Protein backbone atom coordinates (compact mmCIF):
# COMPACT_ATOMS: atom_id res chain seq x y z
CA UNK A 1 1.69 22.22 41.29
CA UNK A 2 4.79 23.40 39.55
CA UNK A 3 4.50 23.84 35.78
CA UNK A 4 8.07 22.86 35.13
CA UNK A 5 9.54 20.03 37.17
CA UNK A 6 13.11 19.23 36.31
CA UNK A 7 15.02 16.11 37.15
CA UNK A 8 14.48 15.41 40.90
CA UNK A 9 15.96 12.99 43.29
CA UNK A 10 13.88 10.27 44.91
CA UNK A 11 13.57 12.23 48.12
CA UNK A 12 12.44 15.43 46.32
CA UNK A 13 9.92 13.49 44.25
CA UNK A 14 8.41 11.90 47.41
CA UNK A 15 8.25 15.29 49.10
CA UNK A 16 6.49 16.78 46.01
CA UNK A 17 3.93 13.99 45.96
CA UNK A 18 3.20 14.50 49.69
CA UNK A 19 2.74 18.22 49.11
CA UNK A 20 0.31 17.61 46.22
CA UNK A 21 -1.68 15.19 48.40
CA UNK A 22 -1.84 17.73 51.23
CA UNK A 23 -3.04 20.45 48.86
CA UNK A 24 -5.80 18.22 47.52
CA UNK A 25 -6.86 17.36 51.08
CA UNK A 26 -6.91 21.07 52.05
CA UNK A 27 -4.12 20.72 54.62
CA UNK A 28 -1.68 22.94 52.66
CA UNK A 29 -2.31 26.24 50.88
CA UNK A 30 -2.94 26.11 47.11
CA UNK A 31 -0.22 27.04 44.64
CA UNK A 32 -0.23 30.64 43.39
CA UNK A 33 0.47 31.62 39.81
CA UNK A 34 2.52 34.58 38.60
CA UNK A 35 -0.58 36.84 38.70
CA UNK A 36 -1.45 36.00 42.33
CA UNK A 37 -4.36 33.66 41.63
CA UNK A 38 -4.75 30.29 43.28
CA UNK A 39 -4.32 27.15 41.13
CA UNK A 40 -6.82 24.39 41.73
CA UNK A 41 -4.82 21.41 43.06
CA UNK A 42 -7.23 18.95 41.45
CA UNK A 43 -6.22 20.08 37.90
CA UNK A 44 -4.31 17.24 36.20
CA UNK A 45 -0.65 17.71 35.49
CA UNK A 46 -1.04 17.43 31.71
CA UNK A 47 -3.32 20.50 31.86
CA UNK A 48 -1.44 22.54 34.46
CA UNK A 49 1.95 21.91 32.90
CA UNK A 50 2.78 24.39 30.13
CA UNK A 51 4.41 23.13 26.89
CA UNK A 52 8.10 23.77 26.40
CA UNK A 53 7.54 26.71 24.01
CA UNK A 54 5.30 28.51 26.48
CA UNK A 55 6.96 27.55 29.74
CA UNK A 56 8.16 30.54 31.77
CA UNK A 57 9.62 28.47 34.59
CA UNK A 58 6.87 29.49 37.07
CA UNK A 59 3.50 27.91 37.87
CA UNK A 60 0.80 29.39 35.69
CA UNK A 61 -2.37 28.56 33.78
CA UNK A 62 -1.88 31.35 31.27
CA UNK A 63 -1.31 28.91 28.42
CA UNK A 64 -4.88 27.57 28.95
CA UNK A 65 -6.58 30.97 28.64
CA UNK A 66 -7.47 32.97 25.56
CA UNK A 67 -4.53 35.12 24.48
CA UNK A 68 -4.93 38.79 24.99
CA UNK A 69 -4.97 41.29 22.14
CA UNK A 70 -1.48 41.62 20.67
CA UNK A 71 -2.04 45.26 19.78
CA UNK A 72 -1.58 44.70 16.03
CA UNK A 73 -3.95 45.98 13.40
CA UNK A 74 -6.37 43.45 11.97
CA UNK A 75 -8.27 43.57 8.69
CA UNK A 76 -12.00 44.13 8.91
CA UNK A 77 -14.48 42.05 6.97
CA UNK A 78 -15.21 44.75 4.39
CA UNK A 79 -11.59 45.70 3.72
CA UNK A 80 -9.94 43.99 0.80
CA UNK A 81 -7.11 44.57 -1.61
CA UNK A 82 -8.00 45.13 -5.25
CA UNK A 83 -5.82 43.06 -7.51
CA UNK A 84 -4.91 43.57 -11.14
CA UNK A 85 -4.83 47.37 -11.10
CA UNK A 86 -2.04 48.93 -13.15
CA UNK A 87 -0.56 52.41 -13.38
CA UNK A 88 0.61 54.41 -16.37
CA UNK A 89 3.45 52.66 -18.27
CA UNK A 90 6.80 54.38 -18.40
CA UNK A 91 8.45 55.46 -21.61
CA UNK A 92 11.97 54.29 -20.83
CA UNK A 93 13.66 51.73 -18.66
CA UNK A 94 14.23 52.67 -15.02
CA UNK A 95 16.99 51.40 -12.82
CA UNK A 96 15.92 48.56 -10.54
CA UNK A 97 12.94 47.57 -12.70
CA UNK A 98 12.21 44.10 -14.08
CA UNK A 99 14.77 43.24 -16.75
CA UNK A 100 12.15 41.35 -18.78
CA UNK A 101 9.08 43.64 -18.93
CA UNK A 102 10.40 46.84 -17.33
CA UNK A 103 7.84 47.13 -14.47
CA UNK A 104 9.04 48.49 -11.15
CA UNK A 105 6.61 46.43 -9.04
CA UNK A 106 8.54 43.13 -9.27
CA UNK A 107 11.89 41.61 -10.22
CA UNK A 108 12.77 39.38 -13.17
CA UNK A 109 12.42 36.19 -11.13
CA UNK A 110 8.81 37.09 -10.25
CA UNK A 111 7.80 38.27 -13.73
CA UNK A 112 4.71 36.59 -15.14
CA UNK A 113 5.14 37.69 -18.72
CA UNK A 114 6.58 35.52 -21.45
CA UNK A 115 10.39 35.66 -21.42
CA UNK A 116 11.42 37.99 -24.21
CA UNK A 117 14.27 37.34 -26.57
CA UNK A 118 15.71 40.71 -25.51
CA UNK A 119 14.34 42.19 -22.36
CA UNK A 120 13.17 45.73 -21.83
CA UNK A 121 16.41 46.57 -20.07
CA UNK A 122 18.33 46.24 -23.34
CA UNK A 123 15.74 47.27 -25.89
CA UNK A 124 13.97 50.06 -23.96
CA UNK A 125 10.71 49.19 -25.74
CA UNK A 126 7.49 47.63 -24.58
CA UNK A 127 7.73 48.84 -21.00
CA UNK A 128 4.94 47.20 -18.99
CA UNK A 129 2.80 49.18 -16.58
CA UNK A 130 3.51 48.92 -12.88
CA UNK A 131 1.08 46.94 -10.74
CA UNK A 132 -0.66 48.95 -8.03
CA UNK A 133 -0.83 47.30 -4.63
CA UNK A 134 -3.22 48.95 -2.24
CA UNK A 135 -1.97 49.20 1.31
CA UNK A 136 -4.69 47.78 3.48
CA UNK A 137 -4.12 48.43 7.15
CA UNK A 138 -3.14 45.25 8.95
CA UNK A 139 -2.98 43.06 5.81
CA UNK A 140 0.68 42.16 6.19
CA UNK A 141 0.49 41.56 9.92
CA UNK A 142 -2.78 39.56 9.94
CA UNK A 143 -1.98 35.92 9.22
CA UNK A 144 -5.50 34.88 8.31
CA UNK A 145 -6.32 37.91 6.17
CA UNK A 146 -3.11 37.56 4.24
CA UNK A 147 -3.97 34.00 3.27
CA UNK A 148 -7.74 34.44 2.84
CA UNK A 149 -8.70 32.86 -0.50
CA UNK A 150 -12.10 34.62 -0.53
CA UNK A 151 -10.67 38.09 0.13
CA UNK A 152 -12.20 40.46 -2.41
CA UNK A 153 -15.01 38.17 -3.51
CA UNK A 154 -18.32 39.90 -4.21
CA UNK A 155 -21.30 37.59 -3.51
CA UNK A 156 -23.51 39.69 -5.80
CA UNK A 157 -21.57 38.28 -8.77
CA UNK A 158 -23.32 34.98 -8.26
CA UNK A 159 -26.55 36.56 -9.44
CA UNK A 160 -25.13 36.53 -12.98
CA UNK A 161 -24.85 32.76 -12.79
CA UNK A 162 -28.43 32.48 -11.56
CA UNK A 163 -29.65 34.70 -14.40
CA UNK A 164 -27.83 32.53 -16.92
CA UNK A 165 -29.50 29.38 -15.67
CA UNK A 166 -32.86 31.04 -15.55
CA UNK A 167 -32.46 32.11 -19.19
CA UNK A 168 -31.63 28.51 -20.14
CA UNK A 169 -34.71 27.23 -18.29
CA UNK A 170 -36.88 29.82 -20.02
CA UNK A 171 -35.54 28.81 -23.44
CA UNK A 172 -36.12 25.14 -22.67
CA UNK A 173 -39.67 25.90 -21.54
CA UNK A 174 -40.44 27.79 -24.74
CA UNK A 175 -39.05 24.97 -26.86
CA UNK A 176 -41.28 22.48 -25.14
CA UNK A 177 -44.34 24.65 -25.58
CA UNK A 178 -43.61 24.96 -29.32
CA UNK A 179 -43.24 21.19 -29.59
CA UNK A 180 -46.58 20.64 -27.88
CA UNK A 181 -48.30 23.22 -30.11
CA UNK A 182 -46.88 21.67 -33.28
CA UNK A 183 -47.63 18.15 -32.20
CA UNK A 184 -50.63 16.81 -34.14
CA UNK A 185 -50.13 13.15 -33.41
CA UNK A 186 -52.96 11.21 -31.73
CA UNK A 187 -50.61 8.54 -30.42
CA UNK A 188 -51.73 7.02 -27.15
CA UNK A 189 -48.23 7.25 -25.64
CA UNK A 190 -48.03 10.97 -26.41
CA UNK A 191 -51.45 11.56 -24.91
CA UNK A 192 -50.46 9.71 -21.73
CA UNK A 193 -47.29 11.80 -21.37
CA UNK A 194 -49.20 15.03 -21.80
CA UNK A 195 -51.84 13.96 -19.26
CA UNK A 196 -49.15 12.93 -16.79
CA UNK A 197 -47.36 16.28 -17.16
CA UNK A 198 -50.59 18.21 -16.66
CA UNK A 199 -51.42 16.13 -13.62
CA UNK A 200 -48.03 16.88 -12.00
CA UNK A 201 -48.26 20.62 -12.66
CA UNK A 202 -51.93 20.98 -11.69
CA UNK A 203 -51.38 21.14 -7.93
CA UNK A 204 -48.26 23.32 -8.02
CA UNK A 205 -48.16 27.10 -7.78
CA UNK A 206 -47.22 29.46 -10.55
CA UNK A 207 -43.75 30.01 -9.15
CA UNK A 208 -43.11 26.25 -9.06
CA UNK A 209 -44.23 25.99 -12.68
CA UNK A 210 -41.95 28.79 -13.78
CA UNK A 211 -38.82 27.66 -11.97
CA UNK A 212 -39.28 23.90 -11.94
CA UNK A 213 -38.05 22.26 -15.13
CA UNK A 214 -37.40 18.79 -13.68
CA UNK A 215 -40.32 17.25 -15.64
CA UNK A 216 -38.97 18.49 -18.96
CA UNK A 217 -35.49 17.27 -18.09
CA UNK A 218 -36.84 13.82 -17.15
CA UNK A 219 -38.61 13.60 -20.51
CA UNK A 220 -35.31 14.51 -22.26
CA UNK A 221 -33.47 11.89 -20.23
CA UNK A 222 -36.09 9.26 -21.16
CA UNK A 223 -35.69 10.23 -24.78
CA UNK A 224 -31.90 9.80 -24.61
CA UNK A 225 -32.25 6.49 -22.76
CA UNK A 226 -34.63 5.08 -25.35
CA UNK A 227 -32.23 5.89 -28.20
CA UNK A 228 -29.28 4.24 -26.44
CA UNK A 229 -31.12 1.16 -25.17
CA UNK A 230 -28.70 -1.39 -26.58
CA UNK A 231 -27.34 -4.70 -25.20
CA UNK A 232 -24.14 -4.30 -23.23
CA UNK A 233 -24.74 -0.67 -22.34
CA UNK A 234 -25.92 1.16 -19.26
CA UNK A 235 -27.42 4.65 -19.40
CA UNK A 236 -26.71 7.02 -16.55
CA UNK A 237 -29.35 9.69 -16.98
CA UNK A 238 -27.99 11.87 -14.14
CA UNK A 239 -24.62 12.35 -15.91
CA UNK A 240 -25.97 11.60 -19.39
CA UNK A 241 -23.18 9.20 -20.22
CA UNK A 242 -23.19 5.69 -21.62
CA UNK A 243 -21.32 3.06 -19.66
CA UNK A 244 -20.05 0.24 -21.81
CA UNK A 245 -20.24 -3.19 -20.20
CA UNK A 246 -17.50 -5.59 -21.23
CA UNK A 247 -19.73 -8.68 -21.05
CA UNK A 248 -22.57 -8.80 -23.57
CA UNK A 249 -25.73 -9.97 -21.86
CA UNK A 250 -26.54 -12.33 -24.71
CA UNK A 251 -23.66 -14.57 -23.60
CA UNK A 252 -24.55 -17.08 -20.93
CA UNK A 253 -22.72 -16.91 -17.64
CA UNK A 254 -20.48 -19.83 -16.55
CA UNK A 255 -22.64 -20.83 -13.62
CA UNK A 256 -25.78 -21.08 -15.80
CA UNK A 257 -24.58 -23.86 -18.13
CA UNK A 258 -25.41 -26.50 -15.51
CA UNK A 259 -27.77 -25.63 -12.65
CA UNK A 260 -27.00 -28.79 -10.74
CA UNK A 261 -25.43 -27.79 -7.38
CA UNK A 262 -23.29 -30.94 -7.46
CA UNK A 263 -21.64 -29.92 -10.72
CA UNK A 264 -18.47 -27.86 -11.18
CA UNK A 265 -17.79 -25.31 -8.44
CA UNK A 266 -17.95 -21.60 -9.37
CA UNK A 267 -15.79 -19.23 -7.31
CA UNK A 268 -17.59 -15.88 -7.21
CA UNK A 269 -14.57 -13.98 -5.85
CA UNK A 270 -12.27 -14.86 -8.76
CA UNK A 271 -15.17 -15.53 -11.20
CA UNK A 272 -13.60 -18.80 -12.20
CA UNK A 273 -14.92 -22.34 -12.80
CA UNK A 274 -12.01 -24.70 -13.07
CA UNK A 275 -13.85 -27.87 -14.09
CA UNK A 276 -16.23 -28.27 -17.00
CA UNK A 277 -19.91 -27.85 -16.07
CA UNK A 278 -20.87 -30.74 -18.37
CA UNK A 279 -18.51 -33.54 -17.48
CA UNK A 280 -19.88 -35.97 -20.07
CA UNK A 281 -19.40 -33.66 -23.07
CA UNK A 282 -16.25 -33.43 -25.12
CA UNK A 283 -14.45 -30.09 -24.80
CA UNK A 284 -14.67 -29.58 -28.56
CA UNK A 285 -18.45 -29.92 -28.54
CA UNK A 286 -19.08 -27.93 -25.35
CA UNK A 287 -19.76 -24.21 -25.33
CA UNK A 288 -17.72 -23.85 -22.14
CA UNK A 289 -15.26 -26.55 -21.08
CA UNK A 290 -13.96 -24.91 -17.87
CA UNK A 291 -11.13 -22.51 -17.22
CA UNK A 292 -8.58 -25.37 -17.04
CA UNK A 293 -9.22 -26.04 -20.74
CA UNK A 294 -8.21 -22.45 -21.59
CA UNK A 295 -5.16 -22.57 -19.30
CA UNK A 296 -3.51 -25.14 -21.58
CA UNK A 297 -3.39 -22.73 -24.51
CA UNK A 298 -0.81 -20.19 -25.56
CA UNK A 299 2.66 -20.35 -23.94
CA UNK A 300 1.53 -22.58 -21.07
CA UNK A 301 3.31 -25.62 -22.56
CA UNK A 302 6.50 -23.59 -23.12
CA UNK A 303 6.39 -22.40 -19.52
CA UNK A 304 6.04 -25.96 -18.29
CA UNK A 305 9.06 -27.00 -20.38
CA UNK A 306 11.10 -24.19 -18.84
CA UNK A 307 10.04 -25.22 -15.34
CA UNK A 308 10.90 -28.89 -16.04
CA UNK A 309 14.30 -27.84 -17.46
CA UNK A 310 15.01 -25.76 -14.33
CA UNK A 311 14.16 -28.69 -12.05
CA UNK A 312 16.31 -31.14 -14.04
CA UNK A 313 19.25 -28.69 -14.18
CA UNK A 314 19.03 -28.07 -10.45
CA UNK A 315 19.03 -31.82 -9.81
CA UNK A 316 22.26 -32.12 -11.85
CA UNK A 317 23.97 -29.48 -9.77
CA UNK A 318 23.42 -26.33 -11.85
CA UNK A 319 22.40 -23.10 -10.12
CA UNK A 320 19.20 -22.45 -12.09
CA UNK A 321 15.90 -21.26 -10.70
CA UNK A 322 12.78 -20.46 -12.71
CA UNK A 323 11.42 -17.76 -10.40
CA UNK A 324 14.67 -16.29 -9.11
CA UNK A 325 16.27 -15.69 -12.55
CA UNK A 326 13.89 -16.52 -15.40
CA UNK A 327 16.08 -14.87 -18.05
CA UNK A 328 19.08 -17.10 -17.38
CA UNK A 329 16.82 -20.11 -17.30
CA UNK A 330 15.35 -19.28 -20.73
CA UNK A 331 18.75 -18.60 -22.30
CA UNK A 332 20.15 -21.89 -21.00
CA UNK A 333 17.08 -23.77 -22.22
CA UNK A 334 17.42 -22.18 -25.64
CA UNK A 335 21.11 -23.11 -25.81
CA UNK A 336 20.29 -26.65 -24.66
CA UNK A 337 17.58 -27.00 -27.33
CA UNK A 338 19.88 -25.82 -30.11
CA UNK A 339 22.65 -28.22 -29.08
CA UNK A 340 20.14 -31.05 -28.88
CA UNK A 341 18.81 -30.34 -32.41
CA UNK A 342 22.34 -30.07 -33.78
CA UNK A 343 23.35 -33.35 -32.13
CA UNK A 344 20.25 -35.07 -33.51
CA UNK A 345 20.97 -33.86 -37.02
CA UNK A 346 24.60 -35.05 -36.75
CA UNK A 347 23.51 -38.48 -35.48
CA UNK A 348 20.91 -38.72 -38.26
CA UNK A 349 23.44 -37.79 -40.97
CA UNK A 350 25.93 -40.37 -39.72
CA UNK A 351 23.31 -43.14 -39.89
CA UNK A 352 22.29 -42.14 -43.43
CA UNK A 353 25.91 -42.03 -44.56
CA UNK A 354 26.50 -45.55 -43.22
CA UNK A 355 23.27 -47.30 -44.26
CA UNK A 356 21.91 -44.99 -47.00
CA UNK A 357 18.22 -44.21 -47.66
CA UNK A 358 18.42 -40.43 -47.83
CA UNK A 359 16.23 -40.50 -50.93
CA UNK A 360 13.27 -41.64 -48.86
CA UNK A 361 13.32 -38.36 -46.92
CA UNK A 362 12.80 -36.22 -50.05
CA UNK A 363 9.36 -34.68 -50.26
CA UNK A 364 7.04 -36.35 -52.80
CA UNK A 365 5.21 -33.92 -55.11
CA UNK A 366 1.69 -33.18 -53.95
CA UNK A 367 0.21 -34.21 -57.30
CA UNK A 368 1.74 -37.67 -57.07
CA UNK A 369 0.94 -38.03 -53.40
CA UNK A 370 -2.76 -37.28 -53.85
CA UNK A 371 -3.07 -38.81 -57.32
CA UNK A 372 -5.09 -35.86 -58.56
CA UNK A 373 -5.05 -32.07 -58.60
CA UNK A 374 -7.55 -29.27 -58.89
CA UNK A 375 -5.71 -27.58 -61.73
CA UNK A 376 -7.75 -27.29 -64.93
CA UNK A 377 -6.18 -29.17 -67.91
CA UNK A 378 -7.52 -29.87 -71.45
CA UNK A 379 -6.40 -32.89 -73.46
CA UNK A 380 -6.69 -33.71 -77.19
CA UNK A 381 -8.14 -36.90 -78.67
CA UNK A 382 -4.63 -38.34 -78.77
CA UNK A 383 -4.19 -37.71 -75.06
CA UNK A 384 -1.81 -34.73 -75.38
CA UNK A 385 -2.42 -31.72 -73.04
CA UNK A 386 -3.71 -28.67 -74.89
CA UNK A 387 -4.32 -26.16 -72.07
CA UNK A 388 -2.98 -26.15 -68.52
CA UNK A 389 -4.65 -23.52 -66.40
CA UNK A 390 -4.61 -20.20 -68.32
CA UNK A 391 -1.63 -21.26 -70.39
CA UNK A 392 -2.17 -22.53 -73.96
CA UNK A 393 0.11 -25.44 -74.85
CA UNK A 394 -0.03 -25.23 -78.62
CA UNK A 395 2.45 -26.93 -81.00
CA UNK A 396 5.13 -24.86 -82.61
CA UNK A 397 4.89 -23.55 -86.16
CA UNK A 398 5.55 -26.04 -88.95
């Protein structure tokens, strides 16, 4: 089976298919690769055919085998490059060094120091030390070693983290022992907790007692949860955070106002109940009158006016659409409303000028309209006002 079959004519393709069938039946010798080994004729074409970037133009299965050693140096597991080592700093600027810090190990574009107002090239002061790069054999040629993120990591450093946590557990254990020693209360709850803790630790070994502080942590979590046990909050003791719930549990849910299954339908997906659960109760007297009652508040009426104006304008031949261009619709509706109010005032003024009666539109004082007022007033025996509010209405000097 040839690894690279170019464009063949119909006759060549038929001849190739007959040859492959004869090789599979054992009537023709098997195909030989470039190394002189026979190629199994039953191998599928998608396996025997080499990709375009490995195709040598001859039948071969070399692309399916493990590549041989390329002869390059590879980094061993224990070899690693120490980073952060610096040499002795120079006393003056050297040609070809970084213009910012003066180090010879990098250029100004790769400098990690803060950009100076005047670099070391011009001041000659504050020359930084050169970084030392150890030449590990095969580091630059080994693709995996060059990009190894764990290169140079010492696993023994993790022992410091373990020692830190062990010290914290030891301090927590001592604090709990001091609290138990100082505790003189005979409360039944305290006695139950102590007995429960002793029962849990009775069957465990000494090592488990020393390194297991889960019981103490559980007691601390219970203490935090008891303090924060408030309505509308959820305590996550694993993360020790308080999750605030937006719905206070003291409020009744919509679907609990009327338990009759024939009442208003509650949609659990949208959490909405359109109709009122109590159909015979007035909306003003009901605790919940349905979501349709709330949908008539706010700017809903104004939106309906805009939609009605858009429909009427479109019926009269104007190119207005509420959803396509709501800004133009609102501007035209505002202009229409202003012209309508102005025309109404003009028509009203013309009627008053012709027939009169403008004095009836003047506002009557509130005192005369109600017949009484809540303002404190004192009167004399003759009926004259003496004091009105905090103002003294005395007669002038004689």
